[in-house]
Amino acid sequence: MPNKLEVSFNSPQCGWMSVGFDNGENEFHTTTAHTPHSQALSEILKGLASLLNAQTAKDEFIIEWSRNPEAFNFSFEREANEITFQILEYPTFNRLESEGEIVFVHHSNVKELCEAFYQTFAQLYEDRETDEFEFNWRQPFPFEEFTNFQEKLKNYGQ
């Protein structure tokens, strides 16, 4: 049985956010920048919501994020109720396939993966005023996408 995934998106500071993933077997931590992928948080929430609402047997999405100059692809691939989440790291924005390195992989069912991401987004949401999220991340918290994701997770499997 795979280990439970822990996701951490720490309070942003000066346009940077520390993110981490740990499943007991693999661990990956880095910082990410709010630019040039300013919609990364929204895109993650939209993608996860789509996995919970999937009408097909297979679904995949990739989120691009960066640390300047390093770049990351967060890849989510669902087949039936199982999902593979992996992070590829590239030394530059060019994202040349030959230079990509898989730095984290996690396999689980869709609901468990979404619950792990939900916990960290819920914490960001809860702390948004104390942490001055909008000022420190240089963009608003993705309320609409978070609310939609929260609702789809709540109703998943019913």
Protein backbone atom coordinates (compact mmCIF):
# COMPACT_ATOMS: atom_id res chain seq x y z
CA MET A 1 0.00 0.00 0.00
CA PRO A 2 1.46 3.38 -0.95
CA ASN A 3 2.29 5.88 1.75
CA LYS A 4 0.13 8.91 2.31
CA LEU A 5 1.18 12.06 0.47
CA GLU A 6 1.94 15.20 2.44
CA VAL A 7 1.81 18.44 0.46
CA SER A 8 3.05 21.74 1.85
CA PHE A 9 2.67 25.16 0.26
CA ASN A 10 4.08 27.51 2.87
CA SER A 11 3.07 31.12 3.30
CA PRO A 12 4.47 33.20 0.44
CA GLN A 13 7.16 35.79 1.05
CA CYS A 14 8.21 38.50 -1.41
CA GLY A 15 6.74 36.65 -4.41
CA TRP A 16 8.26 33.26 -3.49
CA MET A 17 6.68 30.19 -1.93
CA SER A 18 8.24 27.11 -0.43
CA VAL A 19 6.55 23.93 -1.65
CA GLY A 20 7.15 20.38 -0.53
CA PHE A 21 5.99 16.85 -1.19
CA ASP A 22 6.71 13.80 0.97
CA ASN A 23 5.26 10.30 0.83
CA GLY A 24 7.66 8.49 3.13
CA GLU A 25 9.60 7.03 0.20
CA ASN A 26 10.22 10.16 -1.87
CA GLU A 27 10.63 13.74 -0.77
CA PHE A 28 11.03 16.97 -2.72
CA HIS A 29 11.22 20.57 -1.51
CA THR A 30 11.88 23.76 -3.44
CA THR A 31 10.86 27.36 -3.72
CA THR A 32 8.71 28.65 -6.56
CA ALA A 33 8.26 32.12 -7.99
CA HIS A 34 4.96 33.88 -8.64
CA THR A 35 6.15 34.72 -12.17
CA PRO A 36 6.17 33.85 -15.00
CA HIS A 37 3.55 31.21 -14.12
CA SER A 38 1.22 33.50 -12.23
CA GLN A 39 -1.75 31.15 -12.57
CA ALA A 40 -0.05 28.00 -11.24
CA LEU A 41 -2.15 27.80 -8.06
CA SER A 42 -5.38 28.31 -10.01
CA GLU A 43 -4.32 25.77 -12.61
CA ILE A 44 -3.51 23.16 -9.96
CA LEU A 45 -6.95 23.64 -8.38
CA LYS A 46 -8.73 23.51 -11.76
CA GLY A 47 -6.81 20.39 -12.77
CA LEU A 48 -7.52 18.59 -9.51
CA ALA A 49 -11.20 19.50 -9.76
CA SER A 50 -11.26 18.08 -13.29
CA LEU A 51 -9.83 14.79 -11.99
CA LEU A 52 -12.69 14.58 -9.49
CA ASN A 53 -15.23 15.31 -12.20
CA ALA A 54 -13.69 13.18 -14.93
CA GLN A 55 -16.12 11.54 -17.32
CA THR A 56 -13.42 9.55 -19.09
CA ALA A 57 -11.28 6.65 -17.94
CA LYS A 58 -8.07 8.63 -18.46
CA ASP A 59 -7.08 12.23 -17.80
CA GLU A 60 -3.80 14.13 -17.67
CA PHE A 61 -2.63 17.65 -17.04
CA ILE A 62 0.71 19.39 -16.54
CA ILE A 63 1.34 22.55 -14.54
CA GLU A 64 4.42 24.60 -15.33
CA TRP A 65 6.12 26.40 -12.46
CA SER A 66 9.59 27.80 -11.93
CA ARG A 67 12.26 28.90 -9.52
CA ASN A 68 14.22 31.10 -11.95
CA PRO A 69 16.11 29.73 -13.79
CA GLU A 70 15.06 26.18 -12.91
CA ALA A 71 11.70 25.08 -14.24
CA PHE A 72 9.29 22.39 -13.07
CA ASN A 73 6.49 20.39 -14.65
CA PHE A 74 3.96 19.05 -12.16
CA SER A 75 2.39 16.14 -14.03
CA PHE A 76 -0.88 14.48 -12.99
CA GLU A 77 -1.97 11.38 -14.90
CA ARG A 78 -5.16 9.55 -13.95
CA GLU A 79 -6.17 6.13 -15.18
CA ALA A 80 -9.56 5.06 -13.77
CA ASN A 81 -9.32 5.75 -10.00
CA GLU A 82 -5.51 5.65 -9.81
CA ILE A 83 -3.22 8.63 -10.29
CA THR A 84 0.48 9.21 -10.82
CA PHE A 85 1.82 12.58 -9.74
CA GLN A 86 5.37 13.40 -10.71
CA ILE A 87 7.61 16.44 -10.75
CA LEU A 88 10.14 16.94 -13.51
CA GLU A 89 12.90 19.48 -12.98
CA TYR A 90 14.68 21.27 -15.82
CA PRO A 91 17.80 23.44 -15.46
CA THR A 92 16.25 26.26 -17.56
CA PHE A 93 12.96 27.60 -18.89
CA ASN A 94 13.65 25.82 -22.21
CA ARG A 95 12.34 22.57 -20.70
CA LEU A 96 14.36 20.40 -23.07
CA GLU A 97 13.15 16.84 -22.71
CA SER A 98 16.73 15.51 -22.67
CA GLU A 99 17.53 17.73 -19.66
CA GLY A 100 14.47 16.88 -17.58
CA GLU A 101 14.93 14.87 -14.39
CA ILE A 102 12.15 13.20 -12.42
CA VAL A 103 12.64 14.44 -8.85
CA PHE A 104 9.44 13.16 -7.24
CA VAL A 105 6.86 10.46 -7.96
CA HIS A 106 3.74 9.46 -6.05
CA HIS A 107 1.06 6.88 -6.88
CA SER A 108 -2.30 6.78 -5.12
CA ASN A 109 -5.99 6.91 -5.71
CA VAL A 110 -7.54 10.16 -6.91
CA LYS A 111 -9.34 11.04 -3.69
CA GLU A 112 -6.26 10.57 -1.48
CA LEU A 113 -4.14 12.77 -3.74
CA CYS A 114 -6.81 15.47 -3.89
CA GLU A 115 -7.28 15.37 -0.11
CA ALA A 116 -3.53 15.96 0.37
CA PHE A 117 -3.62 19.01 -1.89
CA TYR A 118 -6.85 20.19 -0.28
CA GLN A 119 -5.27 20.24 3.18
CA THR A 120 -2.48 22.59 2.10
CA PHE A 121 -4.79 24.88 0.09
CA ALA A 122 -7.20 25.01 3.05
CA GLN A 123 -4.31 26.06 5.28
CA LEU A 124 -3.25 28.77 2.80
CA TYR A 125 -6.85 29.96 2.69
CA GLU A 126 -7.21 29.97 6.47
CA ASP A 127 -3.95 31.91 6.95
CA ARG A 128 -4.36 34.26 3.97
CA GLU A 129 -5.07 37.41 6.00
CA THR A 130 -2.50 36.75 8.72
CA ASP A 131 0.13 35.95 6.10
CA GLU A 132 -0.92 38.86 3.84
CA PHE A 133 -1.20 36.35 1.01
CA GLU A 134 -2.03 38.80 -1.78
CA PHE A 135 0.76 41.19 -0.84
CA ASN A 136 3.37 38.47 -0.40
CA TRP A 137 2.38 36.30 -3.39
CA ARG A 138 1.79 39.37 -5.59
CA GLN A 139 -1.61 38.06 -6.70
CA PRO A 140 -4.95 37.17 -5.15
CA PHE A 141 -5.78 33.85 -3.59
CA PRO A 142 -7.69 31.72 -6.14
CA PHE A 143 -11.01 31.76 -4.23
CA GLU A 144 -13.27 30.62 -7.06
CA GLU A 145 -11.06 27.69 -8.02
CA PHE A 146 -10.57 26.69 -4.36
CA THR A 147 -14.31 26.75 -3.68
CA ASN A 148 -15.03 24.68 -6.80
CA PHE A 149 -12.32 22.15 -5.88
CA GLN A 150 -13.60 21.96 -2.29
CA GLU A 151 -17.14 21.25 -3.49
CA LYS A 152 -16.07 18.58 -5.98
CA LEU A 153 -13.92 16.84 -3.34
CA LYS A 154 -16.80 16.93 -0.85
CA ASN A 155 -19.15 15.32 -3.39
CA TYR A 156 -16.67 12.88 -4.94
CA GLY A 157 -17.99 9.35 -5.09
CA GLN A 158 -21.54 10.25 -4.09
